[in-house]
């Protein structure tokens, strides 16, 4: 493959921006890892096969092993002369069944999928009925006991705003743990209970730990007052277990510029219906 070198190559290079959706069941997360199969590796190999270049992608963020995405944004540089839409179709022809490019366009050099992001939206799915579902086994967490989603939604409102989320991140994570949650909700669609969070950024396992604690609220093992105390305690051992990764979805990434956002918005219709189309 050609790497491209010299002034002429740099002048003809374009920054391509893509929106990808994937089922993460078979992958050790999005980001490349030595000795592991990841979504990023598979994407780079497929793009490289089309462009005949040694491609390196930059994603809007990581997802955990086994977690999924409907709207992961990534970029790469290429000297290919293929129009973005033709490139998208050619790459999709080389991707496995569980990864698909939904959108591709040419982005300005100033655009960075992670640093340019204003917020990210995640959902956590819970299959909530006594009998497990083989169709949702790797795509939602099964809780056989009825959950009170109204209580879970009430607890979600305590998360909105600027907080230290130490109660929901691993003890060894040494970083500033203050984040801003823009909106939070929990709702039911039949047997499917969804937790949705939009925030400026999220730490490793933060959403899954919040989901595990909200599940305890829905089971009425943790009261609303106790949930508030857990948040304020800043102590990980006070919160619930980290919920399994298969229920977690990166839904979308929001960007500050309205024109930038419009370029990557992809109409998905009913969110639950979009998932059910694949089962």
C-alpha atoms as a PDB file:
ATOM      1  CA  UNK A   1       0.000   0.000   0.000  1.00  0.00           C
ATOM      2  CA  UNK A   2       1.138   3.538  -0.660  1.00  0.00           C
ATOM      3  CA  UNK A   3       1.750   5.740   2.325  1.00  0.00           C
ATOM      4  CA  UNK A   4       2.103   8.900   0.297  1.00  0.00           C
ATOM      5  CA  UNK A   5       5.012  11.247   0.788  1.00  0.00           C
ATOM      6  CA  UNK A   6       6.121  14.636  -0.422  1.00  0.00           C
ATOM      7  CA  UNK A   7       4.430  17.942  -1.018  1.00  0.00           C
ATOM      8  CA  UNK A   8       2.266  16.835  -3.951  1.00  0.00           C
ATOM      9  CA  UNK A   9       0.665  14.021  -1.928  1.00  0.00           C
ATOM     10  CA  UNK A  10      -0.167  16.359   0.947  1.00  0.00           C
ATOM     11  CA  UNK A  11      -1.859  18.805  -1.412  1.00  0.00           C
ATOM     12  CA  UNK A  12      -4.181  16.119  -2.783  1.00  0.00           C
ATOM     13  CA  UNK A  13      -5.064  14.539   0.555  1.00  0.00           C
ATOM     14  CA  UNK A  14      -8.636  14.924   1.788  1.00  0.00           C
ATOM     15  CA  UNK A  15     -10.045  14.447   5.291  1.00  0.00           C
ATOM     16  CA  UNK A  16     -12.943  11.986   5.051  1.00  0.00           C
ATOM     17  CA  UNK A  17     -15.521  11.938   7.857  1.00  0.00           C
ATOM     18  CA  UNK A  18     -17.718   8.888   8.428  1.00  0.00           C
ATOM     19  CA  UNK A  19     -20.535   7.753  10.671  1.00  0.00           C
ATOM     20  CA  UNK A  20     -20.372   4.036  11.440  1.00  0.00           C
ATOM     21  CA  UNK A  21     -22.727   1.688  13.238  1.00  0.00           C
ATOM     22  CA  UNK A  22     -21.698  -1.682  14.572  1.00  0.00           C
ATOM     23  CA  UNK A  23     -22.627  -4.569  16.786  1.00  0.00           C
ATOM     24  CA  UNK A  24     -19.703  -4.880  19.164  1.00  0.00           C
ATOM     25  CA  UNK A  25     -20.297  -8.466  20.295  1.00  0.00           C
ATOM     26  CA  UNK A  26     -17.316  -9.923  18.404  1.00  0.00           C
ATOM     27  CA  UNK A  27     -14.935  -7.041  19.097  1.00  0.00           C
ATOM     28  CA  UNK A  28     -12.648  -5.923  21.905  1.00  0.00           C
ATOM     29  CA  UNK A  29     -14.001  -2.381  21.641  1.00  0.00           C
ATOM     30  CA  UNK A  30     -13.575   0.301  18.990  1.00  0.00           C
ATOM     31  CA  UNK A  31      -9.940   1.292  19.456  1.00  0.00           C
ATOM     32  CA  UNK A  32      -7.036  -0.794  18.146  1.00  0.00           C
ATOM     33  CA  UNK A  33      -5.444  -3.131  20.693  1.00  0.00           C
ATOM     34  CA  UNK A  34      -2.470  -5.460  20.202  1.00  0.00           C
ATOM     35  CA  UNK A  35      -3.563  -9.037  19.665  1.00  0.00           C
ATOM     36  CA  UNK A  36      -7.294  -8.207  19.695  1.00  0.00           C
ATOM     37  CA  UNK A  37      -9.848  -7.772  16.931  1.00  0.00           C
ATOM     38  CA  UNK A  38     -11.367  -4.295  17.159  1.00  0.00           C
ATOM     39  CA  UNK A  39     -13.775  -2.237  15.076  1.00  0.00           C
ATOM     40  CA  UNK A  40     -11.069   0.311  14.231  1.00  0.00           C
ATOM     41  CA  UNK A  41      -8.762  -2.389  12.876  1.00  0.00           C
ATOM     42  CA  UNK A  42     -11.481  -3.869  10.663  1.00  0.00           C
ATOM     43  CA  UNK A  43     -12.427  -0.410   9.350  1.00  0.00           C
ATOM     44  CA  UNK A  44      -8.823   0.508   8.530  1.00  0.00           C
ATOM     45  CA  UNK A  45      -8.263  -2.758   6.694  1.00  0.00           C
ATOM     46  CA  UNK A  46     -11.435  -2.329   4.631  1.00  0.00           C
ATOM     47  CA  UNK A  47     -10.688   1.317   3.779  1.00  0.00           C
ATOM     48  CA  UNK A  48      -7.098   0.445   2.930  1.00  0.00           C
ATOM     49  CA  UNK A  49      -8.270  -2.294   0.576  1.00  0.00           C
ATOM     50  CA  UNK A  50     -10.318   0.292  -1.335  1.00  0.00           C
ATOM     51  CA  UNK A  51      -7.837   3.182  -1.367  1.00  0.00           C
ATOM     52  CA  UNK A  52      -4.637   1.086  -1.515  1.00  0.00           C
ATOM     53  CA  UNK A  53      -3.246   3.227   1.310  1.00  0.00           C
ATOM     54  CA  UNK A  54      -2.022   2.563   4.829  1.00  0.00           C
ATOM     55  CA  UNK A  55      -5.015   4.214   6.526  1.00  0.00           C
ATOM     56  CA  UNK A  56      -5.206   5.336  10.155  1.00  0.00           C
ATOM     57  CA  UNK A  57      -8.541   6.477  11.552  1.00  0.00           C
ATOM     58  CA  UNK A  58      -9.359   8.798  14.464  1.00  0.00           C
ATOM     59  CA  UNK A  59     -12.595   8.095  16.348  1.00  0.00           C
ATOM     60  CA  UNK A  60     -14.847  10.295  18.453  1.00  0.00           C
ATOM     61  CA  UNK A  61     -14.195   8.019  21.416  1.00  0.00           C
ATOM     62  CA  UNK A  62     -13.769   4.477  22.635  1.00  0.00           C
ATOM     63  CA  UNK A  63     -16.471   1.916  23.254  1.00  0.00           C
ATOM     64  CA  UNK A  64     -16.085  -1.041  25.610  1.00  0.00           C
ATOM     65  CA  UNK A  65     -15.584  -4.608  24.456  1.00  0.00           C
ATOM     66  CA  UNK A  66     -19.020  -5.955  23.553  1.00  0.00           C
ATOM     67  CA  UNK A  67     -20.658  -2.506  23.376  1.00  0.00           C
ATOM     68  CA  UNK A  68     -22.331  -1.191  20.225  1.00  0.00           C
ATOM     69  CA  UNK A  69     -22.737   2.037  18.242  1.00  0.00           C
ATOM     70  CA  UNK A  70     -25.291   3.653  15.968  1.00  0.00           C
ATOM     71  CA  UNK A  71     -23.370   6.879  15.490  1.00  0.00           C
ATOM     72  CA  UNK A  72     -19.631   6.547  16.040  1.00  0.00           C
ATOM     73  CA  UNK A  73     -17.876   9.327  14.101  1.00  0.00           C
ATOM     74  CA  UNK A  74     -14.367   8.914  12.716  1.00  0.00           C
ATOM     75  CA  UNK A  75     -12.057  10.536  10.179  1.00  0.00           C
ATOM     76  CA  UNK A  76      -9.125   9.503   8.029  1.00  0.00           C
ATOM     77  CA  UNK A  77      -6.915  11.159   5.439  1.00  0.00           C
ATOM     78  CA  UNK A  78      -6.725   9.820   1.902  1.00  0.00           C
ATOM     79  CA  UNK A  79      -5.523  10.784  -1.559  1.00  0.00           C
ATOM     80  CA  UNK A  80      -8.250   8.704  -3.220  1.00  0.00           C
ATOM     81  CA  UNK A  81     -10.189  10.456  -5.955  1.00  0.00           C
ATOM     82  CA  UNK A  82     -13.361   8.492  -5.234  1.00  0.00           C
ATOM     83  CA  UNK A  83     -16.320  10.690  -4.207  1.00  0.00           C
ATOM     84  CA  UNK A  84     -17.223  10.207  -0.540  1.00  0.00           C
ATOM     85  CA  UNK A  85     -20.474   8.356  -1.274  1.00  0.00           C
ATOM     86  CA  UNK A  86     -18.784   5.984  -3.727  1.00  0.00           C
ATOM     87  CA  UNK A  87     -16.061   5.393  -1.151  1.00  0.00           C
ATOM     88  CA  UNK A  88     -18.705   4.587   1.486  1.00  0.00           C
ATOM     89  CA  UNK A  89     -20.336   1.988  -0.750  1.00  0.00           C
ATOM     90  CA  UNK A  90     -17.004   0.419  -1.707  1.00  0.00           C
ATOM     91  CA  UNK A  91     -15.882   0.144   1.917  1.00  0.00           C
ATOM     92  CA  UNK A  92     -19.230  -1.337   2.996  1.00  0.00           C
ATOM     93  CA  UNK A  93     -18.792  -4.044   0.363  1.00  0.00           C
ATOM     94  CA  UNK A  94     -15.645  -5.131   2.238  1.00  0.00           C
ATOM     95  CA  UNK A  95     -16.941  -4.845   5.797  1.00  0.00           C
ATOM     96  CA  UNK A  96     -18.388  -7.786   7.764  1.00  0.00           C
ATOM     97  CA  UNK A  97     -22.108  -8.052   8.514  1.00  0.00           C
ATOM     98  CA  UNK A  98     -21.835  -6.355  11.906  1.00  0.00           C
ATOM     99  CA  UNK A  99     -20.157  -3.089  10.790  1.00  0.00           C
ATOM    100  CA  UNK A 100     -21.642  -0.579   8.337  1.00  0.00           C
ATOM    101  CA  UNK A 101     -20.799   2.955   7.234  1.00  0.00           C
ATOM    102  CA  UNK A 102     -23.994   5.013   7.350  1.00  0.00           C
ATOM    103  CA  UNK A 103     -22.525   8.240   6.019  1.00  0.00           C
ATOM    104  CA  UNK A 104     -19.343   9.693   4.520  1.00  0.00           C
ATOM    105  CA  UNK A 105     -18.417  13.210   3.451  1.00  0.00           C
ATOM    106  CA  UNK A 106     -15.399  15.478   3.125  1.00  0.00           C
ATOM    107  CA  UNK A 107     -14.620  17.402   6.325  1.00  0.00           C
ATOM    108  CA  UNK A 108     -12.580  20.561   6.830  1.00  0.00           C
ATOM    109  CA  UNK A 109      -9.063  20.105   8.184  1.00  0.00           C
ATOM    110  CA  UNK A 110     -10.146  21.858  11.399  1.00  0.00           C
ATOM    111  CA  UNK A 111     -12.658  19.107  12.199  1.00  0.00           C
ATOM    112  CA  UNK A 112     -11.617  16.565  14.832  1.00  0.00           C
ATOM    113  CA  UNK A 113     -14.125  13.822  15.741  1.00  0.00           C
ATOM    114  CA  UNK A 114     -13.222  13.905  19.431  1.00  0.00           C
ATOM    115  CA  UNK A 115     -11.964  17.434  20.172  1.00  0.00           C
ATOM    116  CA  UNK A 116     -14.672  19.145  18.083  1.00  0.00           C
ATOM    117  CA  UNK A 117     -17.472  17.252  19.854  1.00  0.00           C
ATOM    118  CA  UNK A 118     -19.851  19.215  22.066  1.00  0.00           C
ATOM    119  CA  UNK A 119     -21.553  16.174  23.575  1.00  0.00           C
ATOM    120  CA  UNK A 120     -22.213  12.458  23.155  1.00  0.00           C
ATOM    121  CA  UNK A 121     -25.442  10.511  23.603  1.00  0.00           C
ATOM    122  CA  UNK A 122     -25.511   6.943  24.921  1.00  0.00           C
ATOM    123  CA  UNK A 123     -28.341   4.522  25.598  1.00  0.00           C
ATOM    124  CA  UNK A 124     -28.373   1.486  27.830  1.00  0.00           C
ATOM    125  CA  UNK A 125     -30.945  -1.189  26.920  1.00  0.00           C
ATOM    126  CA  UNK A 126     -32.594  -3.587  29.363  1.00  0.00           C
ATOM    127  CA  UNK A 127     -34.784  -6.487  28.232  1.00  0.00           C
ATOM    128  CA  UNK A 128     -37.294  -6.574  31.072  1.00  0.00           C
ATOM    129  CA  UNK A 129     -39.547  -9.609  31.121  1.00  0.00           C
ATOM    130  CA  UNK A 130     -39.356 -12.992  32.892  1.00  0.00           C
ATOM    131  CA  UNK A 131     -38.257 -14.926  29.787  1.00  0.00           C
ATOM    132  CA  UNK A 132     -34.949 -14.041  28.173  1.00  0.00           C
ATOM    133  CA  UNK A 133     -34.891 -13.313  24.437  1.00  0.00           C
ATOM    134  CA  UNK A 134     -32.414 -15.027  22.101  1.00  0.00           C
ATOM    135  CA  UNK A 135     -32.764 -12.029  19.770  1.00  0.00           C
ATOM    136  CA  UNK A 136     -31.653  -9.548  22.446  1.00  0.00           C
ATOM    137  CA  UNK A 137     -29.146 -11.773  24.289  1.00  0.00           C
ATOM    138  CA  UNK A 138     -26.073  -9.851  23.048  1.00  0.00           C
ATOM    139  CA  UNK A 139     -27.860  -6.526  22.540  1.00  0.00           C
ATOM    140  CA  UNK A 140     -29.510  -5.794  25.874  1.00  0.00           C
ATOM    141  CA  UNK A 141     -29.136  -6.810  29.515  1.00  0.00           C
ATOM    142  CA  UNK A 142     -31.830  -9.208  30.698  1.00  0.00           C
ATOM    143  CA  UNK A 143     -33.543  -8.328  33.976  1.00  0.00           C
ATOM    144  CA  UNK A 144     -36.402 -10.807  34.625  1.00  0.00           C
ATOM    145  CA  UNK A 145     -37.964  -8.895  37.545  1.00  0.00           C
ATOM    146  CA  UNK A 146     -40.220  -5.927  36.622  1.00  0.00           C
ATOM    147  CA  UNK A 147     -38.446  -2.563  36.793  1.00  0.00           C
ATOM    148  CA  UNK A 148     -40.120   0.670  37.877  1.00  0.00           C
ATOM    149  CA  UNK A 149     -38.933   2.847  34.994  1.00  0.00           C
ATOM    150  CA  UNK A 150     -40.694   5.912  36.419  1.00  0.00           C
ATOM    151  CA  UNK A 151     -38.535   5.707  39.549  1.00  0.00           C
ATOM    152  CA  UNK A 152     -35.459   5.211  37.389  1.00  0.00           C
ATOM    153  CA  UNK A 153     -36.371   8.311  35.374  1.00  0.00           C
ATOM    154  CA  UNK A 154     -36.771  10.315  38.583  1.00  0.00           C
ATOM    155  CA  UNK A 155     -33.329   9.207  39.743  1.00  0.00           C
ATOM    156  CA  UNK A 156     -31.896  10.163  36.328  1.00  0.00           C
ATOM    157  CA  UNK A 157     -32.802  13.806  36.937  1.00  0.00           C
ATOM    158  CA  UNK A 158     -30.336  13.902  39.835  1.00  0.00           C
ATOM    159  CA  UNK A 159     -27.534  13.277  37.350  1.00  0.00           C
ATOM    160  CA  UNK A 160     -28.255  16.370  35.246  1.00  0.00           C
ATOM    161  CA  UNK A 161     -25.750  19.178  35.709  1.00  0.00           C
ATOM    162  CA  UNK A 162     -22.102  19.420  36.674  1.00  0.00           C
ATOM    163  CA  UNK A 163     -21.051  16.712  39.168  1.00  0.00           C
ATOM    164  CA  UNK A 164     -18.080  14.750  40.415  1.00  0.00           C
ATOM    165  CA  UNK A 165     -18.955  11.235  39.212  1.00  0.00           C
ATOM    166  CA  UNK A 166     -16.335   9.390  41.296  1.00  0.00           C
ATOM    167  CA  UNK A 167     -19.086   7.075  42.568  1.00  0.00           C
ATOM    168  CA  UNK A 168     -19.436   5.617  39.075  1.00  0.00           C
ATOM    169  CA  UNK A 169     -15.852   5.179  37.844  1.00  0.00           C
ATOM    170  CA  UNK A 170     -13.150   2.622  38.719  1.00  0.00           C
ATOM    171  CA  UNK A 171     -11.185   3.379  41.879  1.00  0.00           C
ATOM    172  CA  UNK A 172      -7.828   3.346  40.052  1.00  0.00           C
ATOM    173  CA  UNK A 173      -8.894   5.935  37.461  1.00  0.00           C
ATOM    174  CA  UNK A 174      -6.695   8.923  38.259  1.00  0.00           C
ATOM    175  CA  UNK A 175      -8.255  11.939  36.536  1.00  0.00           C
ATOM    176  CA  UNK A 176     -10.580  14.872  37.029  1.00  0.00           C
ATOM    177  CA  UNK A 177     -13.907  13.127  37.493  1.00  0.00           C
ATOM    178  CA  UNK A 178     -16.189  16.124  37.053  1.00  0.00           C
ATOM    179  CA  UNK A 179     -18.487  15.880  34.043  1.00  0.00           C
ATOM    180  CA  UNK A 180     -21.626  17.646  32.809  1.00  0.00           C
ATOM    181  CA  UNK A 181     -24.783  15.659  32.048  1.00  0.00           C
ATOM    182  CA  UNK A 182     -26.995  17.684  29.709  1.00  0.00           C
ATOM    183  CA  UNK A 183     -30.029  15.428  29.837  1.00  0.00           C
ATOM    184  CA  UNK A 184     -30.934  12.057  31.325  1.00  0.00           C
ATOM    185  CA  UNK A 185     -34.017   9.897  30.997  1.00  0.00           C
ATOM    186  CA  UNK A 186     -35.415   6.417  31.407  1.00  0.00           C
ATOM    187  CA  UNK A 187     -38.413   5.126  29.484  1.00  0.00           C
ATOM    188  CA  UNK A 188     -40.131   1.881  28.526  1.00  0.00           C
ATOM    189  CA  UNK A 189     -41.180   0.569  25.102  1.00  0.00           C
ATOM    190  CA  UNK A 190     -42.944  -2.711  25.774  1.00  0.00           C
ATOM    191  CA  UNK A 191     -40.414  -5.064  27.362  1.00  0.00           C
ATOM    192  CA  UNK A 192     -37.502  -2.787  26.506  1.00  0.00           C
ATOM    193  CA  UNK A 193     -36.348  -0.275  29.138  1.00  0.00           C
ATOM    194  CA  UNK A 194     -33.924   2.403  27.922  1.00  0.00           C
ATOM    195  CA  UNK A 195     -31.638   4.685  29.899  1.00  0.00           C
ATOM    196  CA  UNK A 196     -30.407   7.642  27.857  1.00  0.00           C
ATOM    197  CA  UNK A 197     -27.652  10.069  28.835  1.00  0.00           C
ATOM    198  CA  UNK A 198     -26.209  13.014  26.959  1.00  0.00           C
ATOM    199  CA  UNK A 199     -23.059  14.555  28.392  1.00  0.00           C
ATOM    200  CA  UNK A 200     -20.015  16.571  27.454  1.00  0.00           C
ATOM    201  CA  UNK A 201     -17.853  13.488  28.000  1.00  0.00           C
ATOM    202  CA  UNK A 202     -17.903  10.187  29.861  1.00  0.00           C
ATOM    203  CA  UNK A 203     -15.277   8.208  31.724  1.00  0.00           C
ATOM    204  CA  UNK A 204     -14.497   4.509  31.396  1.00  0.00           C
ATOM    205  CA  UNK A 205     -17.386   2.355  32.701  1.00  0.00           C
ATOM    206  CA  UNK A 206     -19.225   5.468  33.945  1.00  0.00           C
ATOM    207  CA  UNK A 207     -22.466   4.847  32.032  1.00  0.00           C
ATOM    208  CA  UNK A 208     -22.508   1.138  32.829  1.00  0.00           C
ATOM    209  CA  UNK A 209     -22.003   1.867  36.543  1.00  0.00           C
ATOM    210  CA  UNK A 210     -24.805   4.425  36.476  1.00  0.00           C
ATOM    211  CA  UNK A 211     -27.015   1.883  34.688  1.00  0.00           C
ATOM    212  CA  UNK A 212     -26.217  -0.794  37.270  1.00  0.00           C
ATOM    213  CA  UNK A 213     -27.225   1.583  40.066  1.00  0.00           C
ATOM    214  CA  UNK A 214     -30.391   2.723  38.278  1.00  0.00           C
ATOM    215  CA  UNK A 215     -31.389  -0.917  37.877  1.00  0.00           C
ATOM    216  CA  UNK A 216     -31.258  -1.214  41.672  1.00  0.00           C
ATOM    217  CA  UNK A 217     -33.518   1.838  41.868  1.00  0.00           C
ATOM    218  CA  UNK A 218     -35.938   0.168  39.438  1.00  0.00           C
ATOM    219  CA  UNK A 219     -35.911  -2.983  41.586  1.00  0.00           C
ATOM    220  CA  UNK A 220     -36.661  -0.758  44.619  1.00  0.00           C
ATOM    221  CA  UNK A 221     -33.474  -1.845  46.350  1.00  0.00           C
ATOM    222  CA  UNK A 222     -32.170   1.745  46.302  1.00  0.00           C
ATOM    223  CA  UNK A 223     -34.442   4.712  47.021  1.00  0.00           C
ATOM    224  CA  UNK A 224     -34.278   8.083  45.273  1.00  0.00           C
ATOM    225  CA  UNK A 225     -32.753   9.565  48.424  1.00  0.00           C
ATOM    226  CA  UNK A 226     -30.155   6.815  48.595  1.00  0.00           C
ATOM    227  CA  UNK A 227     -29.304   7.347  44.910  1.00  0.00           C
ATOM    228  CA  UNK A 228     -28.656  11.025  45.675  1.00  0.00           C
ATOM    229  CA  UNK A 229     -26.427  10.015  48.596  1.00  0.00           C
ATOM    230  CA  UNK A 230     -24.484   7.612  46.360  1.00  0.00           C
ATOM    231  CA  UNK A 231     -23.814  10.405  43.860  1.00  0.00           C
ATOM    232  CA  UNK A 232     -22.694  12.790  46.607  1.00  0.00           C
ATOM    233  CA  UNK A 233     -20.543  10.174  48.369  1.00  0.00           C
ATOM    234  CA  UNK A 234     -18.007  10.073  45.521  1.00  0.00           C
ATOM    235  CA  UNK A 235     -17.276   6.493  46.614  1.00  0.00           C
ATOM    236  CA  UNK A 236     -17.404   3.727  44.004  1.00  0.00           C
ATOM    237  CA  UNK A 237     -18.214   0.984  46.517  1.00  0.00           C
ATOM    238  CA  UNK A 238     -21.488   2.727  47.403  1.00  0.00           C
ATOM    239  CA  UNK A 239     -22.908   2.382  43.878  1.00  0.00           C
ATOM    240  CA  UNK A 240     -24.297  -0.682  42.123  1.00  0.00           C
ATOM    241  CA  UNK A 241     -22.454  -3.191  39.983  1.00  0.00           C
ATOM    242  CA  UNK A 242     -21.156  -2.255  36.554  1.00  0.00           C
ATOM    243  CA  UNK A 243     -23.872  -3.353  34.124  1.00  0.00           C
ATOM    244  CA  UNK A 244     -22.814  -5.702  31.292  1.00  0.00           C
ATOM    245  CA  UNK A 245     -21.399  -4.117  28.146  1.00  0.00           C
ATOM    246  CA  UNK A 246     -23.869  -5.687  25.712  1.00  0.00           C
ATOM    247  CA  UNK A 247     -26.585  -3.205  26.702  1.00  0.00           C
ATOM    248  CA  UNK A 248     -24.533  -0.088  25.901  1.00  0.00           C
ATOM    249  CA  UNK A 249     -24.881   1.914  22.662  1.00  0.00           C
ATOM    250  CA  UNK A 250     -23.160   5.068  21.450  1.00  0.00           C
ATOM    251  CA  UNK A 251     -26.131   6.689  19.729  1.00  0.00           C
ATOM    252  CA  UNK A 252     -24.712   9.953  18.385  1.00  0.00           C
ATOM    253  CA  UNK A 253     -22.074  12.644  18.713  1.00  0.00           C
ATOM    254  CA  UNK A 254     -23.110  16.296  18.716  1.00  0.00           C
ATOM    255  CA  UNK A 255     -20.920  19.100  17.350  1.00  0.00           C
ATOM    256  CA  UNK A 256     -20.988  22.836  18.021  1.00  0.00           C
ATOM    257  CA  UNK A 257     -21.234  24.151  14.455  1.00  0.00           C
ATOM    258  CA  UNK A 258     -24.719  23.727  13.008  1.00  0.00           C
ATOM    259  CA  UNK A 259     -23.281  23.183   9.520  1.00  0.00           C
ATOM    260  CA  UNK A 260     -20.875  20.512  10.798  1.00  0.00           C
ATOM    261  CA  UNK A 261     -23.687  18.752  12.655  1.00  0.00           C
ATOM    262  CA  UNK A 262     -25.989  18.838   9.638  1.00  0.00           C
ATOM    263  CA  UNK A 263     -23.341  17.130   7.545  1.00  0.00           C
ATOM    264  CA  UNK A 264     -23.215  14.071   9.793  1.00  0.00           C
ATOM    265  CA  UNK A 265     -26.846  13.793  10.913  1.00  0.00           C
ATOM    266  CA  UNK A 266     -28.335  10.526   9.697  1.00  0.00           C
ATOM    267  CA  UNK A 267     -32.057   9.909   9.940  1.00  0.00           C
ATOM    268  CA  UNK A 268     -32.689   6.709  11.892  1.00  0.00           C
ATOM    269  CA  UNK A 269     -36.458   6.865  12.514  1.00  0.00           C
ATOM    270  CA  UNK A 270     -37.637   4.856  15.513  1.00  0.00           C
ATOM    271  CA  UNK A 271     -34.564   3.967  17.512  1.00  0.00           C
ATOM    272  CA  UNK A 272     -35.912   0.660  18.824  1.00  0.00           C
ATOM    273  CA  UNK A 273     -37.190  -0.228  15.352  1.00  0.00           C
ATOM    274  CA  UNK A 274     -33.750   0.424  13.877  1.00  0.00           C
ATOM    275  CA  UNK A 275     -32.244  -2.120  16.273  1.00  0.00           C
ATOM    276  CA  UNK A 276     -35.037  -4.629  15.753  1.00  0.00           C
ATOM    277  CA  UNK A 277     -34.440  -4.599  11.988  1.00  0.00           C
ATOM    278  CA  UNK A 278     -31.198  -6.479  12.644  1.00  0.00           C
ATOM    279  CA  UNK A 279     -32.630  -9.206  14.892  1.00  0.00           C
END
